[in-house]
Amino acid sequence: MIVSLSQYLRKFASLIEELSLKEVSSRIAKYLLDLSFKSTKEGKGTNEVELDLSKSQLASKLGTISETLSRTLAKMRAKGIIDVKKNRILILNRESLEELASGLKI
């Protein structure tokens, strides 16, 4: 039981750190990379991910609002990092996405 509580505490501490210290673009990039990694484990292509949440649910999960989420995805698309088609996102430049996820501005 203590091990479980310790794991939950670490998870929540990490979540608080992300929500308070990282920019929205970093959070989105990390989320997309995590989805990509999950898709790879399931045997699917690594560069195309399917969003598993609605825009408002995803925005809430990432600690933002849907308008900011849309603007950030549009900026990433304009920079050639991703391409968005409905609920599918194609990762065009993984290196840039990883830099964004780590908090580096591009």
PDB file of N, CA and C in Angstrom:
ATOM      1  N   MET A   1       0.819  -1.190   0.000  1.00  0.00           N
ATOM      2  CA  MET A   1       0.000   0.000   0.000  1.00  0.00           C
ATOM      3  C   MET A   1       0.862   1.253   0.000  1.00  0.00           C
ATOM      4  N   ILE A   2       1.939   1.251   0.768  1.00  0.00           N
ATOM      5  CA  ILE A   2       2.828   2.406   0.813  1.00  0.00           C
ATOM      6  C   ILE A   2       3.496   2.602  -0.545  1.00  0.00           C
ATOM      7  N   VAL A   3       3.840   1.511  -1.215  1.00  0.00           N
ATOM      8  CA  VAL A   3       4.445   1.601  -2.538  1.00  0.00           C
ATOM      9  C   VAL A   3       3.474   2.260  -3.520  1.00  0.00           C
ATOM     10  N   SER A   4       2.217   1.850  -3.472  1.00  0.00           N
ATOM     11  CA  SER A   4       1.198   2.441  -4.348  1.00  0.00           C
ATOM     12  C   SER A   4       1.038   3.923  -4.081  1.00  0.00           C
ATOM     13  N   LEU A   5       0.949   4.295  -2.827  1.00  0.00           N
ATOM     14  CA  LEU A   5       0.804   5.708  -2.474  1.00  0.00           C
ATOM     15  C   LEU A   5       2.021   6.511  -2.914  1.00  0.00           C
ATOM     16  N   SER A   6       3.181   5.926  -2.785  1.00  0.00           N
ATOM     17  CA  SER A   6       4.412   6.590  -3.216  1.00  0.00           C
ATOM     18  C   SER A   6       4.413   6.823  -4.729  1.00  0.00           C
ATOM     19  N   GLN A   7       3.949   5.841  -5.483  1.00  0.00           N
ATOM     20  CA  GLN A   7       3.873   5.977  -6.937  1.00  0.00           C
ATOM     21  C   GLN A   7       2.887   7.073  -7.330  1.00  0.00           C
ATOM     22  N   TYR A   8       1.725   7.110  -6.668  1.00  0.00           N
ATOM     23  CA  TYR A   8       0.742   8.155  -6.940  1.00  0.00           C
ATOM     24  C   TYR A   8       1.305   9.534  -6.607  1.00  0.00           C
ATOM     25  N   LEU A   9       2.017   9.633  -5.502  1.00  0.00           N
ATOM     26  CA  LEU A   9       2.610  10.908  -5.105  1.00  0.00           C
ATOM     27  C   LEU A   9       3.620  11.390  -6.142  1.00  0.00           C
ATOM     28  N   ARG A  10       4.470  10.476  -6.623  1.00  0.00           N
ATOM     29  CA  ARG A  10       5.443  10.846  -7.672  1.00  0.00           C
ATOM     30  C   ARG A  10       4.738  11.285  -8.948  1.00  0.00           C
ATOM     31  N   LYS A  11       3.681  10.568  -9.308  1.00  0.00           N
ATOM     32  CA  LYS A  11       2.922  10.904 -10.515  1.00  0.00           C
ATOM     33  C   LYS A  11       2.307  12.299 -10.396  1.00  0.00           C
ATOM     34  N   PHE A  12       1.697  12.586  -9.253  1.00  0.00           N
ATOM     35  CA  PHE A  12       1.061  13.887  -9.065  1.00  0.00           C
ATOM     36  C   PHE A  12       2.086  15.015  -8.952  1.00  0.00           C
ATOM     37  N   ALA A  13       3.221  14.754  -8.343  1.00  0.00           N
ATOM     38  CA  ALA A  13       4.276  15.765  -8.262  1.00  0.00           C
ATOM     39  C   ALA A  13       4.784  16.106  -9.665  1.00  0.00           C
ATOM     40  N   SER A  14       4.924  15.095 -10.501  1.00  0.00           N
ATOM     41  CA  SER A  14       5.349  15.309 -11.886  1.00  0.00           C
ATOM     42  C   SER A  14       4.303  16.111 -12.659  1.00  0.00           C
ATOM     43  N   LEU A  15       3.034  15.781 -12.448  1.00  0.00           N
ATOM     44  CA  LEU A  15       1.949  16.501 -13.114  1.00  0.00           C
ATOM     45  C   LEU A  15       1.922  17.967 -12.689  1.00  0.00           C
ATOM     46  N   ILE A  16       2.076  18.224 -11.408  1.00  0.00           N
ATOM     47  CA  ILE A  16       2.094  19.605 -10.909  1.00  0.00           C
ATOM     48  C   ILE A  16       3.261  20.371 -11.510  1.00  0.00           C
ATOM     49  N   GLU A  17       4.410  19.734 -11.587  1.00  0.00           N
ATOM     50  CA  GLU A  17       5.586  20.375 -12.171  1.00  0.00           C
ATOM     51  C   GLU A  17       5.334  20.732 -13.637  1.00  0.00           C
ATOM     52  N   GLU A  18       4.776  19.800 -14.386  1.00  0.00           N
ATOM     53  CA  GLU A  18       4.497  20.057 -15.802  1.00  0.00           C
ATOM     54  C   GLU A  18       3.507  21.188 -15.988  1.00  0.00           C
ATOM     55  N   LEU A  19       2.421  21.166 -15.230  1.00  0.00           N
ATOM     56  CA  LEU A  19       1.377  22.174 -15.391  1.00  0.00           C
ATOM     57  C   LEU A  19       1.832  23.557 -14.950  1.00  0.00           C
ATOM     58  N   SER A  20       2.730  23.624 -13.990  1.00  0.00           N
ATOM     59  CA  SER A  20       3.120  24.929 -13.484  1.00  0.00           C
ATOM     60  C   SER A  20       4.374  25.486 -14.141  1.00  0.00           C
ATOM     61  N   LEU A  21       5.234  24.641 -14.659  1.00  0.00           N
ATOM     62  CA  LEU A  21       6.515  25.120 -15.171  1.00  0.00           C
ATOM     63  C   LEU A  21       6.670  25.051 -16.690  1.00  0.00           C
ATOM     64  N   LYS A  22       5.939  24.200 -17.350  1.00  0.00           N
ATOM     65  CA  LYS A  22       6.112  24.048 -18.801  1.00  0.00           C
ATOM     66  C   LYS A  22       5.055  24.814 -19.572  1.00  0.00           C
ATOM     67  N   GLU A  23       5.453  25.302 -20.744  1.00  0.00           N
ATOM     68  CA  GLU A  23       4.524  26.001 -21.616  1.00  0.00           C
ATOM     69  C   GLU A  23       3.573  25.004 -22.274  1.00  0.00           C
ATOM     70  N   VAL A  24       2.476  25.525 -22.793  1.00  0.00           N
ATOM     71  CA  VAL A  24       1.459  24.678 -23.429  1.00  0.00           C
ATOM     72  C   VAL A  24       2.074  23.886 -24.586  1.00  0.00           C
ATOM     73  N   SER A  25       2.914  24.533 -25.394  1.00  0.00           N
ATOM     74  CA  SER A  25       3.518  23.832 -26.535  1.00  0.00           C
ATOM     75  C   SER A  25       4.352  22.640 -26.077  1.00  0.00           C
ATOM     76  N   SER A  26       5.047  22.782 -24.952  1.00  0.00           N
ATOM     77  CA  SER A  26       5.845  21.668 -24.419  1.00  0.00           C
ATOM     78  C   SER A  26       4.954  20.524 -23.960  1.00  0.00           C
ATOM     79  N   ARG A  27       3.844  20.866 -23.326  1.00  0.00           N
ATOM     80  CA  ARG A  27       2.923  19.832 -22.845  1.00  0.00           C
ATOM     81  C   ARG A  27       2.278  19.083 -24.002  1.00  0.00           C
ATOM     82  N   ILE A  28       1.899  19.832 -25.048  1.00  0.00           N
ATOM     83  CA  ILE A  28       1.291  19.195 -26.221  1.00  0.00           C
ATOM     84  C   ILE A  28       2.303  18.284 -26.908  1.00  0.00           C
ATOM     85  N   ALA A  29       3.526  18.785 -27.085  1.00  0.00           N
ATOM     86  CA  ALA A  29       4.571  17.998 -27.737  1.00  0.00           C
ATOM     87  C   ALA A  29       4.833  16.706 -26.972  1.00  0.00           C
ATOM     88  N   LYS A  30       4.923  16.800 -25.640  1.00  0.00           N
ATOM     89  CA  LYS A  30       5.153  15.599 -24.835  1.00  0.00           C
ATOM     90  C   LYS A  30       3.984  14.626 -24.974  1.00  0.00           C
ATOM     91  N   TYR A  31       2.777  15.141 -24.973  1.00  0.00           N
ATOM     92  CA  TYR A  31       1.600  14.290 -25.121  1.00  0.00           C
ATOM     93  C   TYR A  31       1.632  13.554 -26.467  1.00  0.00           C
ATOM     94  N   LEU A  32       1.965  14.267 -27.537  1.00  0.00           N
ATOM     95  CA  LEU A  32       2.022  13.650 -28.866  1.00  0.00           C
ATOM     96  C   LEU A  32       3.124  12.592 -28.942  1.00  0.00           C
ATOM     97  N   LEU A  33       4.264  12.882 -28.333  1.00  0.00           N
ATOM     98  CA  LEU A  33       5.348  11.896 -28.322  1.00  0.00           C
ATOM     99  C   LEU A  33       4.957  10.660 -27.513  1.00  0.00           C
ATOM    100  N   ASP A  34       4.265  10.872 -26.393  1.00  0.00           N
ATOM    101  CA  ASP A  34       3.789   9.735 -25.592  1.00  0.00           C
ATOM    102  C   ASP A  34       2.797   8.886 -26.383  1.00  0.00           C
ATOM    103  N   LEU A  35       1.885   9.548 -27.106  1.00  0.00           N
ATOM    104  CA  LEU A  35       0.929   8.808 -27.950  1.00  0.00           C
ATOM    105  C   LEU A  35       1.659   8.037 -29.047  1.00  0.00           C
ATOM    106  N   SER A  36       2.671   8.661 -29.615  1.00  0.00           N
ATOM    107  CA  SER A  36       3.459   8.017 -30.661  1.00  0.00           C
ATOM    108  C   SER A  36       4.150   6.767 -30.115  1.00  0.00           C
ATOM    109  N   PHE A  37       4.714   6.893 -28.920  1.00  0.00           N
ATOM    110  CA  PHE A  37       5.380   5.759 -28.285  1.00  0.00           C
ATOM    111  C   PHE A  37       4.385   4.641 -28.001  1.00  0.00           C
ATOM    112  N   LYS A  38       3.199   5.010 -27.535  1.00  0.00           N
ATOM    113  CA  LYS A  38       2.146   4.030 -27.268  1.00  0.00           C
ATOM    114  C   LYS A  38       1.736   3.313 -28.556  1.00  0.00           C
ATOM    115  N   SER A  39       1.629   4.068 -29.657  1.00  0.00           N
ATOM    116  CA  SER A  39       1.274   3.472 -30.948  1.00  0.00           C
ATOM    117  C   SER A  39       2.337   2.495 -31.417  1.00  0.00           C
ATOM    118  N   THR A  40       3.599   2.837 -31.157  1.00  0.00           N
ATOM    119  CA  THR A  40       4.704   1.959 -31.546  1.00  0.00           C
ATOM    120  C   THR A  40       4.605   0.633 -30.802  1.00  0.00           C
ATOM    121  N   LYS A  41       4.272   0.700 -29.522  1.00  0.00           N
ATOM    122  CA  LYS A  41       4.132  -0.529 -28.733  1.00  0.00           C
ATOM    123  C   LYS A  41       3.002  -1.404 -29.258  1.00  0.00           C
ATOM    124  N   GLU A  42       1.971  -0.763 -29.820  1.00  0.00           N
ATOM    125  CA  GLU A  42       0.827  -1.503 -30.344  1.00  0.00           C
ATOM    126  C   GLU A  42       1.057  -1.965 -31.782  1.00  0.00           C
ATOM    127  N   GLY A  43       2.251  -1.684 -32.329  1.00  0.00           N
ATOM    128  CA  GLY A  43       2.590  -2.147 -33.662  1.00  0.00           C
ATOM    129  C   GLY A  43       2.129  -1.230 -34.784  1.00  0.00           C
ATOM    130  N   LYS A  44       1.688  -0.030 -34.443  1.00  0.00           N
ATOM    131  CA  LYS A  44       1.244   0.920 -35.468  1.00  0.00           C
ATOM    132  C   LYS A  44       2.413   1.820 -35.852  1.00  0.00           C
ATOM    133  N   GLY A  45       2.218   2.637 -36.880  1.00  0.00           N
ATOM    134  CA  GLY A  45       3.246   3.567 -37.317  1.00  0.00           C
ATOM    135  C   GLY A  45       3.585   4.580 -36.240  1.00  0.00           C
ATOM    136  N   THR A  46       4.837   4.984 -36.185  1.00  0.00           N
ATOM    137  CA  THR A  46       5.275   5.883 -35.121  1.00  0.00           C
ATOM    138  C   THR A  46       5.047   7.349 -35.445  1.00  0.00           C
ATOM    139  N   ASN A  47       4.836   7.692 -36.706  1.00  0.00           N
ATOM    140  CA  ASN A  47       4.718   9.098 -37.069  1.00  0.00           C
ATOM    141  C   ASN A  47       3.283   9.591 -37.174  1.00  0.00           C
ATOM    142  N   GLU A  48       2.331   8.721 -37.052  1.00  0.00           N
ATOM    143  CA  GLU A  48       0.929   9.134 -37.102  1.00  0.00           C
ATOM    144  C   GLU A  48       0.238   8.684 -35.829  1.00  0.00           C
ATOM    145  N   VAL A  49      -0.378   9.648 -35.155  1.00  0.00           N
ATOM    146  CA  VAL A  49      -1.082   9.327 -33.914  1.00  0.00           C
ATOM    147  C   VAL A  49      -2.533   9.750 -34.035  1.00  0.00           C
ATOM    148  N   GLU A  50      -3.372   9.014 -33.346  1.00  0.00           N
ATOM    149  CA  GLU A  50      -4.788   9.340 -33.320  1.00  0.00           C
ATOM    150  C   GLU A  50      -5.112   9.881 -31.937  1.00  0.00           C
ATOM    151  N   LEU A  51      -5.702  11.080 -31.904  1.00  0.00           N
ATOM    152  CA  LEU A  51      -6.065  11.672 -30.625  1.00  0.00           C
ATOM    153  C   LEU A  51      -7.193  10.862 -30.010  1.00  0.00           C
ATOM    154  N   ASP A  52      -7.009  10.486 -28.769  1.00  0.00           N
ATOM    155  CA  ASP A  52      -7.970   9.629 -28.090  1.00  0.00           C
ATOM    156  C   ASP A  52      -8.967  10.407 -27.236  1.00  0.00           C
ATOM    157  N   LEU A  53      -8.867  11.735 -27.267  1.00  0.00           N
ATOM    158  CA  LEU A  53      -9.753  12.600 -26.491  1.00  0.00           C
ATOM    159  C   LEU A  53     -10.307  13.698 -27.387  1.00  0.00           C
ATOM    160  N   SER A  54     -11.424  14.283 -26.991  1.00  0.00           N
ATOM    161  CA  SER A  54     -11.939  15.441 -27.719  1.00  0.00           C
ATOM    162  C   SER A  54     -11.009  16.626 -27.452  1.00  0.00           C
ATOM    163  N   LYS A  55     -11.151  17.674 -28.253  1.00  0.00           N
ATOM    164  CA  LYS A  55     -10.301  18.846 -28.103  1.00  0.00           C
ATOM    165  C   LYS A  55     -10.442  19.467 -26.714  1.00  0.00           C
ATOM    166  N   SER A  56     -11.657  19.563 -26.221  1.00  0.00           N
ATOM    167  CA  SER A  56     -11.860  20.166 -24.899  1.00  0.00           C
ATOM    168  C   SER A  56     -11.321  19.266 -23.785  1.00  0.00           C
ATOM    169  N   GLN A  57     -11.457  17.954 -23.935  1.00  0.00           N
ATOM    170  CA  GLN A  57     -10.922  17.027 -22.934  1.00  0.00           C
ATOM    171  C   GLN A  57      -9.389  17.082 -22.918  1.00  0.00           C
ATOM    172  N   LEU A  58      -8.798  17.119 -24.115  1.00  0.00           N
ATOM    173  CA  LEU A  58      -7.349  17.192 -24.209  1.00  0.00           C
ATOM    174  C   LEU A  58      -6.834  18.499 -23.619  1.00  0.00           C
ATOM    175  N   ALA A  59      -7.499  19.600 -23.927  1.00  0.00           N
ATOM    176  CA  ALA A  59      -7.100  20.891 -23.376  1.00  0.00           C
ATOM    177  C   ALA A  59      -7.158  20.859 -21.854  1.00  0.00           C
ATOM    178  N   SER A  60      -8.214  20.301 -21.318  1.00  0.00           N
ATOM    179  CA  SER A  60      -8.356  20.202 -19.868  1.00  0.00           C
ATOM    180  C   SER A  60      -7.239  19.346 -19.269  1.00  0.00           C
ATOM    181  N   LYS A  61      -6.949  18.233 -19.912  1.00  0.00           N
ATOM    182  CA  LYS A  61      -5.891  17.340 -19.425  1.00  0.00           C
ATOM    183  C   LYS A  61      -4.534  18.033 -19.424  1.00  0.00           C
ATOM    184  N   LEU A  62      -4.313  18.920 -20.417  1.00  0.00           N
ATOM    185  CA  LEU A  62      -3.033  19.610 -20.539  1.00  0.00           C
ATOM    186  C   LEU A  62      -3.000  20.940 -19.790  1.00  0.00           C
ATOM    187  N   GLY A  63      -4.089  21.260 -19.111  1.00  0.00           N
ATOM    188  CA  GLY A  63      -4.120  22.463 -18.292  1.00  0.00           C
ATOM    189  C   GLY A  63      -4.244  23.745 -19.089  1.00  0.00           C
ATOM    190  N   THR A  64      -5.048  23.717 -20.143  1.00  0.00           N
ATOM    191  CA  THR A  64      -5.246  24.897 -20.970  1.00  0.00           C
ATOM    192  C   THR A  64      -6.695  24.919 -21.444  1.00  0.00           C
ATOM    193  N   ILE A  65      -6.992  25.801 -22.393  1.00  0.00           N
ATOM    194  CA  ILE A  65      -8.335  25.848 -22.974  1.00  0.00           C
ATOM    195  C   ILE A  65      -8.241  25.438 -24.437  1.00  0.00           C
ATOM    196  N   SER A  66      -9.375  25.052 -25.011  1.00  0.00           N
ATOM    197  CA  SER A  66      -9.362  24.505 -26.372  1.00  0.00           C
ATOM    198  C   SER A  66      -8.868  25.516 -27.405  1.00  0.00           C
ATOM    199  N   GLU A  67      -9.143  26.801 -27.199  1.00  0.00           N
ATOM    200  CA  GLU A  67      -8.677  27.820 -28.152  1.00  0.00           C
ATOM    201  C   GLU A  67      -7.152  27.885 -28.174  1.00  0.00           C
ATOM    202  N   THR A  68      -6.537  27.833 -26.988  1.00  0.00           N
ATOM    203  CA  THR A  68      -5.073  27.854 -26.911  1.00  0.00           C
ATOM    204  C   THR A  68      -4.496  26.590 -27.518  1.00  0.00           C
ATOM    205  N   LEU A  69      -5.136  25.465 -27.283  1.00  0.00           N
ATOM    206  CA  LEU A  69      -4.704  24.199 -27.869  1.00  0.00           C
ATOM    207  C   LEU A  69      -4.725  24.301 -29.396  1.00  0.00           C
ATOM    208  N   SER A  70      -5.811  24.815 -29.954  1.00  0.00           N
ATOM    209  CA  SER A  70      -5.934  24.958 -31.411  1.00  0.00           C
ATOM    210  C   SER A  70      -4.873  25.891 -31.975  1.00  0.00           C
ATOM    211  N   ARG A  71      -4.650  27.018 -31.310  1.00  0.00           N
ATOM    212  CA  ARG A  71      -3.625  27.965 -31.774  1.00  0.00           C
ATOM    213  C   ARG A  71      -2.242  27.344 -31.740  1.00  0.00           C
ATOM    214  N   THR A  72      -1.943  26.609 -30.690  1.00  0.00           N
ATOM    215  CA  THR A  72      -0.630  25.988 -30.554  1.00  0.00           C
ATOM    216  C   THR A  72      -0.421  24.914 -31.616  1.00  0.00           C
ATOM    217  N   LEU A  73      -1.444  24.096 -31.861  1.00  0.00           N
ATOM    218  CA  LEU A  73      -1.337  23.091 -32.924  1.00  0.00           C
ATOM    219  C   LEU A  73      -1.159  23.757 -34.283  1.00  0.00           C
ATOM    220  N   ALA A  74      -1.851  24.884 -34.506  1.00  0.00           N
ATOM    221  CA  ALA A  74      -1.718  25.616 -35.775  1.00  0.00           C
ATOM    222  C   ALA A  74      -0.301  26.159 -35.945  1.00  0.00           C
ATOM    223  N   LYS A  75       0.294  26.654 -34.863  1.00  0.00           N
ATOM    224  CA  LYS A  75       1.678  27.155 -34.929  1.00  0.00           C
ATOM    225  C   LYS A  75       2.645  26.018 -35.227  1.00  0.00           C
ATOM    226  N   MET A  76       2.431  24.871 -34.588  1.00  0.00           N
ATOM    227  CA  MET A  76       3.291  23.714 -34.839  1.00  0.00           C
ATOM    228  C   MET A  76       3.151  23.251 -36.288  1.00  0.00           C
ATOM    229  N   ARG A  77       1.946  23.346 -36.802  1.00  0.00           N
ATOM    230  CA  ARG A  77       1.699  22.966 -38.199  1.00  0.00           C
ATOM    231  C   ARG A  77       2.387  23.952 -39.144  1.00  0.00           C
ATOM    232  N   ALA A  78       2.292  25.248 -38.842  1.00  0.00           N
ATOM    233  CA  ALA A  78       2.917  26.274 -39.683  1.00  0.00           C
ATOM    234  C   ALA A  78       4.439  26.137 -39.708  1.00  0.00           C
ATOM    235  N   LYS A  79       5.019  25.643 -38.619  1.00  0.00           N
ATOM    236  CA  LYS A  79       6.470  25.445 -38.550  1.00  0.00           C
ATOM    237  C   LYS A  79       6.909  24.131 -39.188  1.00  0.00           C
ATOM    238  N   GLY A  80       5.945  23.339 -39.657  1.00  0.00           N
ATOM    239  CA  GLY A  80       6.283  22.080 -40.322  1.00  0.00           C
ATOM    240  C   GLY A  80       6.624  20.953 -39.369  1.00  0.00           C
ATOM    241  N   ILE A  81       6.185  21.063 -38.118  1.00  0.00           N
ATOM    242  CA  ILE A  81       6.471  20.032 -37.127  1.00  0.00           C
ATOM    243  C   ILE A  81       5.445  18.915 -37.196  1.00  0.00           C
ATOM    244  N   ILE A  82       4.181  19.289 -37.406  1.00  0.00           N
ATOM    245  CA  ILE A  82       3.091  18.322 -37.475  1.00  0.00           C
ATOM    246  C   ILE A  82       2.158  18.685 -38.617  1.00  0.00           C
ATOM    247  N   ASP A  83       1.282  17.756 -38.952  1.00  0.00           N
ATOM    248  CA  ASP A  83       0.168  18.015 -39.852  1.00  0.00           C
ATOM    249  C   ASP A  83      -1.072  17.433 -39.179  1.00  0.00           C
ATOM    250  N   VAL A  84      -2.161  18.185 -39.213  1.00  0.00           N
ATOM    251  CA  VAL A  84      -3.373  17.790 -38.502  1.00  0.00           C
ATOM    252  C   VAL A  84      -4.479  17.491 -39.505  1.00  0.00           C
ATOM    253  N   LYS A  85      -5.097  16.325 -39.359  1.00  0.00           N
ATOM    254  CA  LYS A  85      -6.250  15.945 -40.169  1.00  0.00           C
ATOM    255  C   LYS A  85      -7.281  15.327 -39.244  1.00  0.00           C
ATOM    256  N   LYS A  86      -8.288  16.132 -38.907  1.00  0.00           N
ATOM    257  CA  LYS A  86      -9.343  15.725 -37.964  1.00  0.00           C
ATOM    258  C   LYS A  86      -8.715  15.289 -36.646  1.00  0.00           C
ATOM    259  N   ASN A  87      -8.877  14.023 -36.271  1.00  0.00           N
ATOM    260  CA  ASN A  87      -8.329  13.578 -34.993  1.00  0.00           C
ATOM    261  C   ASN A  87      -7.005  12.823 -35.151  1.00  0.00           C
ATOM    262  N   ARG A  88      -6.390  12.933 -36.311  1.00  0.00           N
ATOM    263  CA  ARG A  88      -5.088  12.307 -36.557  1.00  0.00           C
ATOM    264  C   ARG A  88      -4.022  13.385 -36.724  1.00  0.00           C
ATOM    265  N   ILE A  89      -2.875  13.122 -36.139  1.00  0.00           N
ATOM    266  CA  ILE A  89      -1.755  14.052 -36.247  1.00  0.00           C
ATOM    267  C   ILE A  89      -0.566  13.290 -36.798  1.00  0.00           C
ATOM    268  N   LEU A  90      -0.006  13.830 -37.853  1.00  0.00           N
ATOM    269  CA  LEU A  90       1.179  13.254 -38.480  1.00  0.00           C
ATOM    270  C   LEU A  90       2.395  14.043 -38.004  1.00  0.00           C
ATOM    271  N   ILE A  91       3.341  13.350 -37.412  1.00  0.00           N
ATOM    272  CA  ILE A  91       4.562  13.998 -36.940  1.00  0.00           C
ATOM    273  C   ILE A  91       5.521  14.095 -38.121  1.00  0.00           C
ATOM    274  N   LEU A  92       5.799  15.331 -38.541  1.00  0.00           N
ATOM    275  CA  LEU A  92       6.665  15.565 -39.694  1.00  0.00           C
ATOM    276  C   LEU A  92       8.120  15.761 -39.283  1.00  0.00           C
ATOM    277  N   ASN A  93       8.333  16.346 -38.108  1.00  0.00           N
ATOM    278  CA  ASN A  93       9.687  16.637 -37.640  1.00  0.00           C
ATOM    279  C   ASN A  93       9.792  16.220 -36.169  1.00  0.00           C
ATOM    280  N   ARG A  94      10.156  14.962 -35.962  1.00  0.00           N
ATOM    281  CA  ARG A  94      10.223  14.411 -34.603  1.00  0.00           C
ATOM    282  C   ARG A  94      11.265  15.134 -33.752  1.00  0.00           C
ATOM    283  N   GLU A  95      12.380  15.490 -34.332  1.00  0.00           N
ATOM    284  CA  GLU A  95      13.441  16.164 -33.578  1.00  0.00           C
ATOM    285  C   GLU A  95      12.951  17.499 -33.003  1.00  0.00           C
ATOM    286  N   SER A  96      12.259  18.276 -33.817  1.00  0.00           N
ATOM    287  CA  SER A  96      11.714  19.549 -33.337  1.00  0.00           C
ATOM    288  C   SER A  96      10.655  19.324 -32.267  1.00  0.00           C
ATOM    289  N   LEU A  97       9.848  18.289 -32.436  1.00  0.00           N
ATOM    290  CA  LEU A  97       8.821  17.963 -31.444  1.00  0.00           C
ATOM    291  C   LEU A  97       9.465  17.566 -30.120  1.00  0.00           C
ATOM    292  N   GLU A  98      10.548  16.813 -30.176  1.00  0.00           N
ATOM    293  CA  GLU A  98      11.271  16.424 -28.963  1.00  0.00           C
ATOM    294  C   GLU A  98      11.894  17.633 -28.286  1.00  0.00           C
ATOM    295  N   GLU A  99      12.407  18.580 -29.078  1.00  0.00           N
ATOM    296  CA  GLU A  99      12.956  19.814 -28.502  1.00  0.00           C
ATOM    297  C   GLU A  99      11.869  20.611 -27.803  1.00  0.00           C
ATOM    298  N   LEU A 100      10.711  20.696 -28.429  1.00  0.00           N
ATOM    299  CA  LEU A 100       9.586  21.387 -27.784  1.00  0.00           C
ATOM    300  C   LEU A 100       9.193  20.696 -26.490  1.00  0.00           C
ATOM    301  N   ALA A 101       9.127  19.392 -26.506  1.00  0.00           N
ATOM    302  CA  ALA A 101       8.723  18.623 -25.321  1.00  0.00           C
ATOM    303  C   ALA A 101       9.698  18.825 -24.173  1.00  0.00           C
ATOM    304  N   SER A 102      10.961  19.021 -24.502  1.00  0.00           N
ATOM    305  CA  SER A 102      11.964  19.205 -23.454  1.00  0.00           C
ATOM    306  C   SER A 102      11.972  20.638 -22.920  1.00  0.00           C
ATOM    307  N   GLY A 103      11.190  21.511 -23.539  1.00  0.00           N
ATOM    308  CA  GLY A 103      11.112  22.878 -23.053  1.00  0.00           C
ATOM    309  C   GLY A 103      11.944  23.862 -23.852  1.00  0.00           C
ATOM    310  N   LEU A 104      12.658  23.375 -24.864  1.00  0.00           N
ATOM    311  CA  LEU A 104      13.455  24.281 -25.703  1.00  0.00           C
ATOM    312  C   LEU A 104      12.538  24.975 -26.699  1.00  0.00           C
ATOM    313  N   LYS A 105      12.755  26.245 -26.914  1.00  0.00           N
ATOM    314  CA  LYS A 105      11.950  26.970 -27.896  1.00  0.00           C
ATOM    315  C   LYS A 105      12.608  26.830 -29.260  1.00  0.00           C
ATOM    316  N   ILE A 106      11.746  26.666 -30.264  1.00  0.00           N
ATOM    317  CA  ILE A 106      12.285  26.555 -31.630  1.00  0.00           C
ATOM    318  C   ILE A 106      11.752  27.691 -32.477  1.00  0.00           C
TER     319      ILE A 106
END
